[in-house]
Amino acid sequence: MAFHGLSLAPLNRIPVLSDINRSKGRGGHFFLKGFSSMSHTDPPVVSVHPSRAMVDEAFKVQVENLPPGSPVTLHSLHQSEDKHYWEAFGHYVSDHRGTVSDDLSCGGTYTGKEAMGLMWSMRPVPGSREGLRLRKLNVCIPQLVNISVYSGHVGGGFREQDLLASALTERWYMAPGVRRIDIKEKGVRGTLFIPHAFNIVRDHPQVMSDRVGLFGLSLGSIVSISLAAWSSVPRCCVCISGNHTHARGGTIGGVFNEFFKNLHKVRMDENNYEIWRGMGLPIPDDISQKVDVGKISCPILLVNGDDDQNWPTVECAEDMAQMMRAAGNEHLLTRLEYPDAGHLIEPPYSPHFRATKFRKDGQKVILLWGGTTKPHSDAQEDSWKKILAFLQQNMYSSSGPRAKL
């Protein structure tokens, strides 16, 4: 299972993305001369509202001053912090007022009425290296995305095209007033928390000790599930693409050692991408090789994709449910499963990554995560809303951490 982080969030003091006083800017825009083939009084203008928002907030793109019935292409472009370019585009036709707004895309990297298609359908520009993944390296600065409009239905070569107008939008990962704190004590570094990291967070002067939750993705979910089983302190736990099958009391290094004992079970698909889910099968019957989830005493939410090709997370979720049912604590379990979604279920509007580069034993390989772009993106949007609702119920409820969705 590939490594992803674990977060321990004191949600009463650090606001989540959708529970903040958002800093909304005006719909910033500028326009360039063009459209010479179509006579019109005013030049085209593209605007994005809000132009400054959190990454989980939808925006609205509008193009005005087009001749009625004109085919145009909306295009998004982002240069990542590792200097790679990502793009998406949709084909539209202006209405009788010469406007494009909340309309159907008839082609491009997405189709239909998709307000955020310019974000979730982003992909590396043609000619980029295989297996790239868009990562935010510094959450203290915004993701800058340029939204442009072109005449006609353009399918590529945007750098060689004359754009009609463009607008810049800022996508923020940190809400105003939130501080990033690096923890460097007792062997804990960064955002990966081993069991005695939980006490560090709980005992922090800005954290209410009875309002700490756990959130883990992929390998980080192993730590989350383990902490939920070993401690009675967590208020609730959210695990995305989780796994509970590893030796009790083992270390993360030990978990990797167990994984690599099963490398002979790795399969390759038609593109020579590695499929790891076989390494986790069958789910062990030996309870000593699993986290004792029967001891979990807080609400836990499992989020999985049915097309997860990296790990048998759906099978893990079913086994966890059986173990909790036998222990009499299944009422604490909530499960979300999404058809055609893969392993990397991230915040809404994040691009879908079916396969990306990964370093294994010092060698670069490409792992197959799974998922199909549109249903995977829908799963990200739907699960995020339900995750926030789950955290809201169980972190803020004065009646105790026993509420479910």
Protein backbone atom coordinates (compact mmCIF):
# COMPACT_ATOMS: atom_id res chain seq x y z
CA MET A 1 0.00 0.00 0.00
CA ALA A 2 1.46 3.33 -0.99
CA PHE A 3 2.20 5.90 1.70
CA HIS A 4 -0.11 8.80 2.37
CA GLY A 5 -0.45 10.95 5.42
CA LEU A 6 -2.30 10.88 8.67
CA SER A 7 -3.74 14.03 10.16
CA LEU A 8 -4.94 14.60 13.69
CA ALA A 9 -7.23 17.59 13.65
CA PRO A 10 -8.43 19.56 16.67
CA LEU A 11 -11.44 20.73 14.71
CA ASN A 12 -12.69 23.15 17.33
CA ARG A 13 -9.60 25.29 16.84
CA ILE A 14 -8.52 24.58 13.25
CA PRO A 15 -11.42 25.14 10.80
CA VAL A 16 -12.03 22.65 8.05
CA LEU A 17 -12.20 23.84 4.47
CA SER A 18 -15.94 24.27 4.30
CA ASP A 19 -16.37 25.70 7.84
CA ILE A 20 -14.51 28.98 7.63
CA ASN A 21 -14.92 32.63 6.90
CA ARG A 22 -13.90 32.37 3.32
CA SER A 23 -11.95 35.15 1.67
CA LYS A 24 -13.90 35.76 -1.50
CA GLY A 25 -12.40 38.03 -4.08
CA ARG A 26 -14.16 39.76 -6.89
CA GLY A 27 -14.38 37.95 -10.17
CA GLY A 28 -10.99 39.02 -11.49
CA HIS A 29 -10.53 39.17 -15.23
CA PHE A 30 -8.65 40.79 -18.06
CA PHE A 31 -9.13 40.62 -21.81
CA LEU A 32 -6.95 40.63 -24.87
CA LYS A 33 -7.60 41.82 -28.37
CA GLY A 34 -8.78 39.09 -30.64
CA PHE A 35 -11.91 37.67 -32.17
CA SER A 36 -11.03 39.61 -35.31
CA SER A 37 -13.08 37.22 -37.41
CA MET A 38 -16.26 38.22 -35.53
CA SER A 39 -17.32 41.85 -35.36
CA HIS A 40 -18.62 42.93 -31.98
CA THR A 41 -18.83 46.19 -30.07
CA ASP A 42 -17.11 45.12 -26.84
CA PRO A 43 -14.28 42.61 -26.56
CA PRO A 44 -15.00 39.24 -24.89
CA VAL A 45 -14.58 39.06 -21.14
CA VAL A 46 -14.17 35.92 -18.97
CA SER A 47 -14.74 36.10 -15.22
CA VAL A 48 -14.49 33.62 -12.34
CA HIS A 49 -16.64 34.00 -9.22
CA PRO A 50 -15.27 33.79 -6.60
CA SER A 51 -11.81 34.40 -7.97
CA ARG A 52 -10.29 33.57 -4.58
CA ALA A 53 -11.67 30.52 -2.75
CA MET A 54 -10.86 27.35 -0.86
CA VAL A 55 -10.07 24.25 -2.88
CA ASP A 56 -13.34 22.57 -1.89
CA GLU A 57 -15.43 25.53 -3.03
CA ALA A 58 -17.01 25.56 -6.48
CA PHE A 59 -16.60 28.56 -8.75
CA LYS A 60 -18.61 29.89 -11.66
CA VAL A 61 -17.02 30.79 -14.98
CA GLN A 62 -18.81 33.22 -17.27
CA VAL A 63 -17.90 34.57 -20.70
CA GLU A 64 -19.64 37.66 -22.02
CA ASN A 65 -19.64 39.82 -25.15
CA LEU A 66 -19.51 36.94 -27.60
CA PRO A 67 -21.53 36.92 -30.82
CA PRO A 68 -24.64 34.74 -30.31
CA GLY A 69 -24.22 31.11 -31.33
CA SER A 70 -20.41 31.23 -31.35
CA PRO A 71 -18.41 28.05 -30.70
CA VAL A 72 -15.74 28.66 -28.05
CA THR A 73 -13.39 26.65 -25.86
CA LEU A 74 -12.87 27.23 -22.15
CA HIS A 75 -9.39 26.17 -21.04
CA SER A 76 -7.75 25.89 -17.62
CA LEU A 77 -3.99 25.88 -17.12
CA HIS A 78 -1.94 25.36 -13.97
CA GLN A 79 1.81 25.12 -13.45
CA SER A 80 2.53 22.91 -10.46
CA GLU A 81 5.24 23.63 -7.95
CA ASP A 82 7.39 20.97 -9.59
CA LYS A 83 7.10 22.97 -12.85
CA HIS A 84 4.77 20.65 -14.74
CA TYR A 85 1.78 22.04 -16.65
CA TRP A 86 -1.75 20.71 -16.22
CA GLU A 87 -4.78 21.56 -18.34
CA ALA A 88 -8.45 20.84 -18.99
CA PHE A 89 -10.88 22.20 -21.55
CA GLY A 90 -14.53 22.14 -22.59
CA HIS A 91 -16.37 23.06 -25.79
CA TYR A 92 -19.30 25.48 -25.60
CA VAL A 93 -21.62 27.53 -27.79
CA SER A 94 -22.69 31.01 -26.67
CA ASP A 95 -26.40 31.68 -26.13
CA HIS A 96 -28.59 34.33 -27.77
CA ARG A 97 -27.08 36.98 -25.50
CA GLY A 98 -23.52 36.06 -26.47
CA THR A 99 -22.88 34.50 -23.07
CA VAL A 100 -21.46 31.19 -21.83
CA SER A 101 -22.43 30.41 -18.23
CA ASP A 102 -23.46 27.13 -16.58
CA ASP A 103 -23.91 25.59 -20.02
CA LEU A 104 -23.33 22.09 -21.36
CA SER A 105 -19.88 21.17 -22.63
CA CYS A 106 -20.23 19.22 -25.86
CA GLY A 107 -16.62 18.02 -25.92
CA GLY A 108 -13.17 18.28 -24.41
CA THR A 109 -11.77 16.66 -21.26
CA TYR A 110 -15.30 16.64 -19.80
CA THR A 111 -18.83 16.85 -21.17
CA GLY A 112 -22.19 17.90 -19.82
CA LYS A 113 -23.06 20.55 -17.26
CA GLU A 114 -19.95 20.43 -15.08
CA ALA A 115 -19.17 23.69 -13.32
CA MET A 116 -15.87 22.30 -11.97
CA GLY A 117 -14.89 20.20 -14.97
CA LEU A 118 -12.05 22.62 -15.63
CA MET A 119 -10.53 21.43 -12.35
CA TRP A 120 -11.31 17.75 -11.85
CA SER A 121 -10.58 16.75 -15.46
CA MET A 122 -7.12 18.36 -15.46
CA ARG A 123 -4.35 16.26 -16.95
CA PRO A 124 -0.70 16.83 -17.86
CA VAL A 125 -0.27 18.75 -21.10
CA PRO A 126 0.69 16.62 -24.12
CA GLY A 127 4.35 15.69 -24.12
CA SER A 128 4.63 15.49 -20.31
CA ARG A 129 6.32 12.57 -18.60
CA GLU A 130 4.22 9.51 -17.88
CA GLY A 131 2.85 8.91 -14.40
CA LEU A 132 2.77 12.48 -13.09
CA ARG A 133 0.69 13.36 -10.06
CA LEU A 134 -0.42 16.87 -9.12
CA ARG A 135 0.67 17.52 -5.54
CA LYS A 136 0.46 20.67 -3.44
CA LEU A 137 3.89 21.05 -1.88
CA ASN A 138 3.32 24.29 0.03
CA VAL A 139 -0.19 24.67 1.41
CA CYS A 140 0.62 28.18 2.62
CA ILE A 141 0.42 29.57 -0.92
CA PRO A 142 -2.54 29.23 -3.32
CA GLN A 143 -2.89 27.09 -6.39
CA LEU A 144 -3.06 29.51 -9.32
CA VAL A 145 -5.24 28.48 -12.27
CA ASN A 146 -5.63 30.52 -15.45
CA ILE A 147 -9.04 30.26 -17.16
CA SER A 148 -9.02 31.29 -20.82
CA VAL A 149 -11.47 31.36 -23.71
CA TYR A 150 -10.59 30.59 -27.33
CA SER A 151 -12.56 30.97 -30.54
CA GLY A 152 -13.84 27.70 -31.97
CA HIS A 153 -13.71 24.20 -30.56
CA VAL A 154 -10.00 23.74 -29.92
CA GLY A 155 -8.69 20.29 -29.06
CA GLY A 156 -5.04 21.01 -28.35
CA GLY A 157 -2.06 23.19 -29.09
CA PHE A 158 -3.37 25.99 -26.89
CA ARG A 159 -0.02 27.73 -26.73
CA GLU A 160 -0.20 28.28 -30.47
CA GLN A 161 -3.74 29.65 -30.34
CA ASP A 162 -4.76 33.29 -29.88
CA LEU A 163 -6.83 33.57 -26.74
CA LEU A 164 -9.77 35.96 -26.53
CA ALA A 165 -9.76 36.65 -22.80
CA SER A 166 -8.39 35.19 -19.58
CA ALA A 167 -8.92 35.28 -15.80
CA LEU A 168 -6.80 34.12 -12.88
CA THR A 169 -8.26 32.23 -9.92
CA GLU A 170 -6.66 31.38 -6.58
CA ARG A 171 -7.43 28.06 -4.89
CA TRP A 172 -6.40 28.05 -1.22
CA TYR A 173 -5.64 25.06 1.00
CA MET A 174 -5.45 27.02 4.25
CA ALA A 175 -8.23 29.21 5.59
CA PRO A 176 -7.45 32.69 6.92
CA GLY A 177 -6.18 32.47 10.47
CA VAL A 178 -4.98 28.87 10.22
CA ARG A 179 -1.33 28.24 11.16
CA ARG A 180 0.80 25.35 10.05
CA ILE A 181 2.74 23.86 12.93
CA ASP A 182 5.62 21.46 12.37
CA ILE A 183 5.84 18.90 15.16
CA LYS A 184 9.38 17.83 15.93
CA GLU A 185 9.51 16.07 19.27
CA LYS A 186 9.89 12.56 20.63
CA GLY A 187 10.82 11.20 17.23
CA VAL A 188 7.74 12.58 15.47
CA ARG A 189 8.29 14.58 12.28
CA GLY A 190 5.97 16.26 9.82
CA THR A 191 2.41 14.97 9.51
CA LEU A 192 2.94 11.29 10.12
CA PHE A 193 1.90 10.42 13.68
CA ILE A 194 2.89 7.19 15.34
CA PRO A 195 0.92 6.17 18.47
CA HIS A 196 2.83 8.30 21.04
CA ALA A 197 2.31 11.27 18.49
CA PHE A 198 -1.36 11.33 19.49
CA ASN A 199 -0.48 12.45 23.03
CA ILE A 200 1.66 15.24 21.60
CA VAL A 201 -1.30 16.63 19.70
CA ARG A 202 -3.76 16.04 22.54
CA ASP A 203 -1.52 17.83 25.03
CA HIS A 204 -0.87 20.83 22.77
CA PRO A 205 -2.02 24.06 24.53
CA GLN A 206 -4.22 25.03 21.57
CA VAL A 207 -6.02 21.71 21.41
CA MET A 208 -9.01 20.67 23.52
CA SER A 209 -8.00 17.18 24.57
CA ASP A 210 -11.52 15.76 24.30
CA ARG A 211 -12.04 17.08 20.75
CA VAL A 212 -9.31 15.37 18.75
CA GLY A 213 -10.20 13.36 15.65
CA LEU A 214 -8.21 11.03 13.38
CA PHE A 215 -8.03 11.23 9.59
CA GLY A 216 -5.96 8.88 7.46
CA LEU A 217 -5.58 8.06 3.76
CA SER A 218 -4.07 4.82 2.49
CA LEU A 219 -1.12 3.82 4.70
CA GLY A 220 -1.99 6.68 7.03
CA SER A 221 -5.26 4.89 7.69
CA ILE A 222 -3.32 2.02 9.28
CA VAL A 223 -2.13 4.44 11.94
CA SER A 224 -5.62 5.94 12.28
CA ILE A 225 -7.33 2.58 12.73
CA SER A 226 -4.65 1.43 15.16
CA LEU A 227 -4.98 4.58 17.28
CA ALA A 228 -8.76 4.26 17.30
CA ALA A 229 -8.42 0.68 18.60
CA TRP A 230 -5.67 1.33 21.13
CA SER A 231 -6.93 4.56 22.65
CA SER A 232 -10.26 5.66 24.10
CA VAL A 233 -9.42 9.35 23.59
CA PRO A 234 -10.17 9.97 19.86
CA ARG A 235 -13.54 11.59 19.31
CA CYS A 236 -13.98 9.96 15.88
CA CYS A 237 -11.97 8.48 13.03
CA VAL A 238 -12.12 8.86 9.22
CA CYS A 239 -10.23 6.35 7.06
CA ILE A 240 -10.02 6.64 3.27
CA SER A 241 -8.90 3.50 1.43
CA GLY A 242 -8.09 1.91 4.76
CA ASN A 243 -6.35 -1.27 5.82
CA HIS A 244 -6.42 -3.06 9.18
CA THR A 245 -4.40 -6.14 8.22
CA HIS A 246 -0.99 -6.00 9.88
CA ALA A 247 0.63 -7.51 12.93
CA ARG A 248 -0.56 -6.02 16.20
CA GLY A 249 1.93 -3.71 17.84
CA GLY A 250 4.05 -3.59 14.70
CA THR A 251 5.84 -0.56 13.31
CA ILE A 252 5.27 1.14 9.97
CA GLY A 253 8.56 -0.33 8.81
CA GLY A 254 7.28 -3.74 9.83
CA VAL A 255 4.12 -3.14 7.82
CA PHE A 256 6.22 -2.46 4.72
CA ASN A 257 8.23 -5.60 5.36
CA GLU A 258 5.01 -7.61 5.43
CA PHE A 259 3.87 -5.97 2.21
CA PHE A 260 7.06 -6.80 0.38
CA LYS A 261 6.91 -10.43 1.44
CA ASN A 262 4.00 -10.68 -0.98
CA LEU A 263 5.62 -9.00 -3.99
CA HIS A 264 5.11 -12.21 -5.94
CA LYS A 265 1.40 -11.39 -5.92
CA VAL A 266 1.87 -8.13 -7.84
CA ARG A 267 0.27 -8.23 -11.28
CA MET A 268 0.89 -6.05 -14.32
CA ASP A 269 -1.84 -4.61 -16.53
CA GLU A 270 -1.71 -4.09 -20.30
CA ASN A 271 0.22 -0.83 -19.82
CA ASN A 272 2.81 -2.48 -17.56
CA TYR A 273 1.39 -0.69 -14.51
CA GLU A 274 1.68 -2.52 -11.20
CA ILE A 275 -1.49 -3.77 -9.47
CA TRP A 276 -0.85 -4.28 -5.77
CA ARG A 277 -4.27 -5.28 -4.46
CA GLY A 278 -3.37 -8.98 -4.66
CA MET A 279 -0.71 -8.49 -1.99
CA GLY A 280 -3.45 -7.93 0.57
CA LEU A 281 -5.43 -11.05 -0.32
CA PRO A 282 -6.73 -13.16 1.14
CA ILE A 283 -7.68 -11.23 4.26
CA PRO A 284 -5.98 -13.17 7.09
CA ASP A 285 -8.11 -15.22 9.47
CA ASP A 286 -5.46 -14.98 12.16
CA ILE A 287 -6.66 -12.15 14.41
CA SER A 288 -3.09 -11.48 15.55
CA GLN A 289 -2.39 -10.25 12.01
CA LYS A 290 -5.11 -7.60 12.21
CA VAL A 291 -5.90 -4.54 14.28
CA ASP A 292 -8.44 -5.51 16.92
CA VAL A 293 -11.16 -3.21 15.62
CA GLY A 294 -13.56 -4.79 18.09
CA LYS A 295 -11.97 -2.49 20.68
CA ILE A 296 -12.80 0.70 18.79
CA SER A 297 -14.96 2.91 21.02
CA CYS A 298 -15.44 5.96 18.78
CA PRO A 299 -17.45 6.45 15.56
CA ILE A 300 -15.43 5.45 12.51
CA LEU A 301 -16.12 6.29 8.86
CA LEU A 302 -14.63 4.14 6.08
CA VAL A 303 -14.51 5.59 2.55
CA ASN A 304 -13.59 3.26 -0.32
CA GLY A 305 -13.72 2.94 -4.08
CA ASP A 306 -14.97 -0.28 -5.65
CA ASP A 307 -12.28 -0.04 -8.37
CA ASP A 308 -9.36 0.29 -5.93
CA GLN A 309 -6.49 -1.48 -7.70
CA ASN A 310 -3.86 -0.63 -5.08
CA TRP A 311 -5.28 -2.53 -2.11
CA PRO A 312 -8.34 -4.69 -1.30
CA THR A 313 -9.89 -1.92 0.78
CA VAL A 314 -13.48 -2.97 0.18
CA GLU A 315 -12.66 -6.47 1.41
CA CYS A 316 -10.88 -4.93 4.41
CA ALA A 317 -13.95 -2.85 5.20
CA GLU A 318 -16.17 -5.93 5.07
CA ASP A 319 -13.82 -7.84 7.39
CA MET A 320 -13.72 -4.90 9.81
CA ALA A 321 -17.52 -4.84 9.82
CA GLN A 322 -17.64 -8.55 10.65
CA MET A 323 -15.10 -8.13 13.47
CA MET A 324 -16.97 -5.17 14.93
CA ARG A 325 -20.29 -6.99 14.61
CA ALA A 326 -18.89 -9.91 16.59
CA ALA A 327 -17.59 -7.52 19.25
CA GLY A 328 -20.87 -5.64 19.50
CA ASN A 329 -19.57 -2.25 18.33
CA GLU A 330 -20.70 -2.27 14.69
CA HIS A 331 -23.10 0.57 15.51
CA LEU A 332 -20.04 2.84 15.53
CA LEU A 333 -19.19 1.98 11.91
CA THR A 334 -20.28 3.96 8.84
CA ARG A 335 -19.23 2.81 5.36
CA LEU A 336 -19.18 4.68 2.05
CA GLU A 337 -18.38 2.77 -1.14
CA TYR A 338 -18.32 4.30 -4.60
CA PRO A 339 -18.60 2.40 -7.91
CA ASP A 340 -15.79 3.05 -10.40
CA ALA A 341 -13.78 5.09 -7.87
CA GLY A 342 -10.14 4.26 -7.22
CA HIS A 343 -7.73 4.37 -4.30
CA LEU A 344 -6.80 8.06 -4.19
CA ILE A 345 -10.07 9.62 -3.04
CA GLU A 346 -9.00 13.21 -2.35
CA PRO A 347 -10.79 16.52 -1.67
CA PRO A 348 -13.38 17.61 -4.28
CA TYR A 349 -12.28 18.91 -7.66
CA SER A 350 -8.84 17.30 -7.36
CA PRO A 351 -7.78 15.66 -10.64
CA HIS A 352 -8.22 11.92 -10.91
CA PHE A 353 -5.00 9.90 -11.00
CA ARG A 354 -5.54 6.41 -12.32
CA ALA A 355 -1.83 5.56 -12.38
CA THR A 356 1.23 7.48 -11.17
CA LYS A 357 4.93 7.00 -10.54
CA PHE A 358 6.05 5.41 -7.29
CA ARG A 359 9.45 4.47 -5.88
CA LYS A 360 9.69 0.82 -4.82
CA ASP A 361 12.93 -0.61 -3.50
CA GLY A 362 14.83 2.27 -5.08
CA GLN A 363 13.24 1.73 -8.49
CA LYS A 364 10.62 3.87 -10.18
CA VAL A 365 7.47 2.03 -11.16
CA ILE A 366 3.98 3.13 -12.10
CA LEU A 367 1.22 2.03 -9.74
CA LEU A 368 -2.35 1.53 -10.86
CA TRP A 369 -4.68 3.23 -8.37
CA GLY A 370 -7.86 2.58 -10.32
CA GLY A 371 -11.02 4.56 -10.92
CA THR A 372 -12.70 6.22 -13.89
CA THR A 373 -12.45 9.99 -14.05
CA LYS A 374 -16.09 11.15 -13.87
CA PRO A 375 -17.40 8.69 -11.23
CA HIS A 376 -14.19 9.05 -9.24
CA SER A 377 -14.59 12.84 -9.24
CA ASP A 378 -18.22 12.49 -8.19
CA ALA A 379 -17.09 10.22 -5.34
CA GLN A 380 -14.60 12.83 -4.16
CA GLU A 381 -17.24 15.54 -4.06
CA ASP A 382 -19.90 13.39 -2.39
CA SER A 383 -17.59 11.79 0.17
CA TRP A 384 -16.10 15.15 1.19
CA LYS A 385 -19.52 16.52 2.10
CA LYS A 386 -20.28 13.41 4.13
CA ILE A 387 -16.87 13.44 5.80
CA LEU A 388 -17.42 17.04 6.91
CA ALA A 389 -20.91 16.16 8.17
CA PHE A 390 -19.49 13.16 10.07
CA LEU A 391 -16.78 15.30 11.68
CA GLN A 392 -19.29 18.03 12.49
CA GLN A 393 -21.61 15.58 14.23
CA ASN A 394 -18.95 13.79 16.20
CA MET A 395 -16.47 16.57 16.98
CA TYR A 396 -18.91 19.29 17.96
CA SER A 397 -21.81 17.32 19.43
CA SER A 398 -22.24 18.01 23.15
CA SER A 399 -24.05 14.71 23.64
CA GLY A 400 -20.91 12.67 23.11
CA PRO A 401 -19.14 11.11 20.13
CA ARG A 402 -21.68 8.49 19.19
CA ALA A 403 -23.56 10.07 16.29
CA LYS A 404 -23.52 8.59 12.79
CA LEU A 405 -24.40 9.98 9.40
